[in-house]
C-alpha cells in the first residue's frame, strides 16, 4: 500500500509540473514528461482540441485558453485533472496514464460528465453493485452534457 501511495504522489506531482510547463509554454519540460508516441483519446467538440493544438502547433491555436487545474487526484497509474474556462463556459477533464514513470496516454473530455469506477471483481458482470464509484467530475453538474464512465 505504501508503494502505491508513493506512486500516486509521484504521478500527481508529475502532472502538476506538466500543467506548470503548459502554462509557461516550456516545451522541453513537456517533452520530457510525455512519451514520444502519446496515445490520445478525445471526447468533445472538435473546436475544443486546445491541448492537441498547443502540443502540435496545429492551427488554429488559441493562446488565450489556459490550462489551469481546479483539482488533481491520482488513482494508481491514472491522474485526473479537472478545470473550467470561465470565458468560454467550457469544463474539461484530463485522464493522464503512466507507464514506467512516464505519461503514455491522455484522455481528454470537454463539456462531459466523467465518472470513474473500480470493478469489484475480475469478471465484468452487468449486475448492479459490481462497480465501486470512485470519482465524478463536478464542474458540469449544472449543465446538460454527455456522460462517460471509466473503469479502473
Protein backbone atom coordinates (compact mmCIF):
# COMPACT_ATOMS: atom_id res chain seq x y z
CA UNK A 1 0.00 0.00 0.00
CA UNK A 2 2.83 2.39 0.85
CA UNK A 3 4.45 1.82 -2.56
CA UNK A 4 1.12 2.53 -4.27
CA UNK A 5 0.69 5.77 -2.30
CA UNK A 6 4.21 6.81 -3.28
CA UNK A 7 3.46 6.07 -6.95
CA UNK A 8 0.24 8.12 -6.79
CA UNK A 9 2.05 11.04 -5.15
CA UNK A 10 4.85 10.99 -7.76
CA UNK A 11 2.34 10.77 -10.63
CA UNK A 12 0.31 13.65 -9.20
CA UNK A 13 3.46 15.76 -8.82
CA UNK A 14 4.48 14.97 -12.40
CA UNK A 15 1.10 16.09 -13.74
CA UNK A 16 1.27 19.26 -11.63
CA UNK A 17 4.67 20.02 -13.18
CA UNK A 18 3.19 19.26 -16.63
CA UNK A 19 0.46 21.88 -16.16
CA UNK A 20 3.03 24.41 -14.94
CA UNK A 21 5.03 23.71 -18.10
CA UNK A 22 1.92 24.03 -20.28
CA UNK A 23 1.09 27.36 -18.67
CA UNK A 24 4.62 28.70 -19.16
CA UNK A 25 4.89 27.03 -22.60
CA UNK A 26 8.06 25.20 -21.51
CA UNK A 27 8.24 22.73 -24.40
CA UNK A 28 11.37 20.97 -23.11
CA UNK A 29 9.70 20.00 -19.83
CA UNK A 30 6.53 18.91 -21.62
CA UNK A 31 8.54 16.68 -23.99
CA UNK A 32 10.46 15.24 -21.05
CA UNK A 33 7.26 14.23 -19.23
CA UNK A 34 5.37 12.78 -22.21
CA UNK A 35 6.17 9.62 -24.15
CA UNK A 36 7.28 10.35 -27.74
CA UNK A 37 4.23 8.47 -29.05
CA UNK A 38 1.40 9.53 -26.79
CA UNK A 39 -1.86 7.59 -27.09
CA UNK A 40 -4.60 10.21 -27.27
CA UNK A 41 -8.38 9.96 -26.84
CA UNK A 42 -10.60 13.00 -27.26
CA UNK A 43 -14.29 13.46 -26.46
CA UNK A 44 -15.90 16.81 -27.17
CA UNK A 45 -16.48 19.31 -29.94
CA UNK A 46 -13.56 19.44 -32.44
CA UNK A 47 -13.22 23.17 -31.74
CA UNK A 48 -12.16 22.30 -28.15
CA UNK A 49 -8.97 20.42 -29.05
CA UNK A 50 -6.87 23.02 -27.25
CA UNK A 51 -4.23 20.66 -25.86
CA UNK A 52 -3.69 18.95 -29.20
CA UNK A 53 -3.20 22.30 -30.91
CA UNK A 54 -0.87 23.53 -28.18
CA UNK A 55 1.36 20.45 -28.31
CA UNK A 56 1.39 20.01 -32.07
CA UNK A 57 1.24 23.64 -33.16
CA UNK A 58 -1.76 22.82 -35.36
CA UNK A 59 -3.88 25.84 -36.30
CA UNK A 60 -5.97 27.47 -35.11
CA UNK A 61 -4.23 27.54 -31.72
CA UNK A 62 -5.92 29.90 -29.26
CA UNK A 63 -3.23 31.10 -26.88
CA UNK A 64 -5.84 32.70 -24.63
CA UNK A 65 -7.05 29.24 -23.50
CA UNK A 66 -5.49 28.50 -20.11
CA UNK A 67 -4.97 25.03 -18.65
CA UNK A 68 -5.46 25.88 -15.00
CA UNK A 69 -6.40 22.81 -12.95
CA UNK A 70 -9.01 23.22 -10.25
CA UNK A 71 -8.45 19.70 -8.94
CA UNK A 72 -5.85 16.97 -9.42
CA UNK A 73 -6.35 13.48 -8.00
CA UNK A 74 -4.39 10.26 -8.53
CA UNK A 75 -5.58 6.66 -8.70
CA UNK A 76 -2.53 4.44 -9.14
CA UNK A 77 -1.23 4.95 -12.68
CA UNK A 78 -4.06 7.39 -13.58
CA UNK A 79 -4.13 11.07 -12.66
CA UNK A 80 -7.34 13.04 -13.21
CA UNK A 81 -7.30 16.78 -13.72
CA UNK A 82 -10.43 18.93 -13.83
CA UNK A 83 -10.70 22.55 -14.86
CA UNK A 84 -13.06 25.19 -16.17
CA UNK A 85 -12.68 28.05 -18.63
CA UNK A 86 -14.98 30.86 -17.45
CA UNK A 87 -14.59 32.87 -20.65
CA UNK A 88 -15.84 30.04 -22.89
CA UNK A 89 -18.00 28.18 -20.31
CA UNK A 90 -16.02 25.00 -21.01
CA UNK A 91 -15.47 22.33 -18.38
CA UNK A 92 -12.68 19.84 -19.02
CA UNK A 93 -11.28 16.64 -17.56
CA UNK A 94 -7.98 15.01 -18.47
CA UNK A 95 -7.03 11.47 -17.51
CA UNK A 96 -3.26 11.01 -17.72
CA UNK A 97 -1.99 7.41 -17.70
CA UNK A 98 1.53 6.49 -16.62
CA UNK A 99 3.65 3.54 -17.74
CA UNK A 100 7.12 3.16 -16.22
CA UNK A 101 7.00 6.68 -14.71
CA UNK A 102 6.23 8.44 -17.99
CA UNK A 103 2.91 9.68 -19.35
CA UNK A 104 1.95 7.35 -22.19
CA UNK A 105 -1.74 8.08 -22.62
CA UNK A 106 -4.12 11.01 -22.28
CA UNK A 107 -7.89 11.02 -22.44
CA UNK A 108 -9.45 14.46 -22.69
CA UNK A 109 -13.11 15.25 -22.16
CA UNK A 110 -14.71 18.63 -22.81
CA UNK A 111 -18.19 19.50 -21.52
CA UNK A 112 -18.60 15.87 -20.49
CA UNK A 113 -19.52 14.42 -17.12
CA UNK A 114 -16.88 11.82 -16.25
CA UNK A 115 -17.37 9.11 -13.61
CA UNK A 116 -14.56 6.78 -12.50
CA UNK A 117 -15.48 3.37 -11.14
CA UNK A 118 -13.45 0.46 -9.83
CA UNK A 119 -14.56 -3.01 -10.83
CA UNK A 120 -15.15 -5.11 -7.73
CA UNK A 121 -14.29 -8.44 -9.32
CA UNK A 122 -12.10 -9.83 -12.07
CA UNK A 123 -15.17 -10.82 -14.04
CA UNK A 124 -17.12 -7.99 -15.59
CA UNK A 125 -20.79 -8.54 -14.90
CA UNK A 126 -23.77 -6.38 -15.76
CA UNK A 127 -25.36 -6.77 -12.33
CA UNK A 128 -25.75 -3.65 -10.22
CA UNK A 129 -23.22 -3.45 -7.42
CA UNK A 130 -20.17 -4.83 -9.23
CA UNK A 131 -18.63 -1.40 -9.64
CA UNK A 132 -17.42 0.92 -6.90
CA UNK A 133 -17.90 4.65 -7.55
CA UNK A 134 -14.53 6.36 -7.06
CA UNK A 135 -14.74 9.88 -8.52
CA UNK A 136 -17.04 12.10 -10.58
CA UNK A 137 -16.39 15.39 -12.32
CA UNK A 138 -18.06 18.30 -10.61
CA UNK A 139 -17.83 21.22 -12.99
CA UNK A 140 -20.53 20.06 -15.41
CA UNK A 141 -23.09 19.38 -12.64
CA UNK A 142 -25.45 22.14 -13.68
CA UNK A 143 -25.27 21.51 -17.41
CA UNK A 144 -26.91 19.04 -19.72
CA UNK A 145 -23.80 17.25 -21.06
CA UNK A 146 -22.93 13.73 -22.21
CA UNK A 147 -21.69 11.36 -19.53
CA UNK A 148 -18.97 8.72 -19.65
CA UNK A 149 -17.88 6.05 -17.19
CA UNK A 150 -14.23 4.94 -17.00
CA UNK A 151 -13.36 1.72 -15.19
CA UNK A 152 -10.12 1.24 -13.28
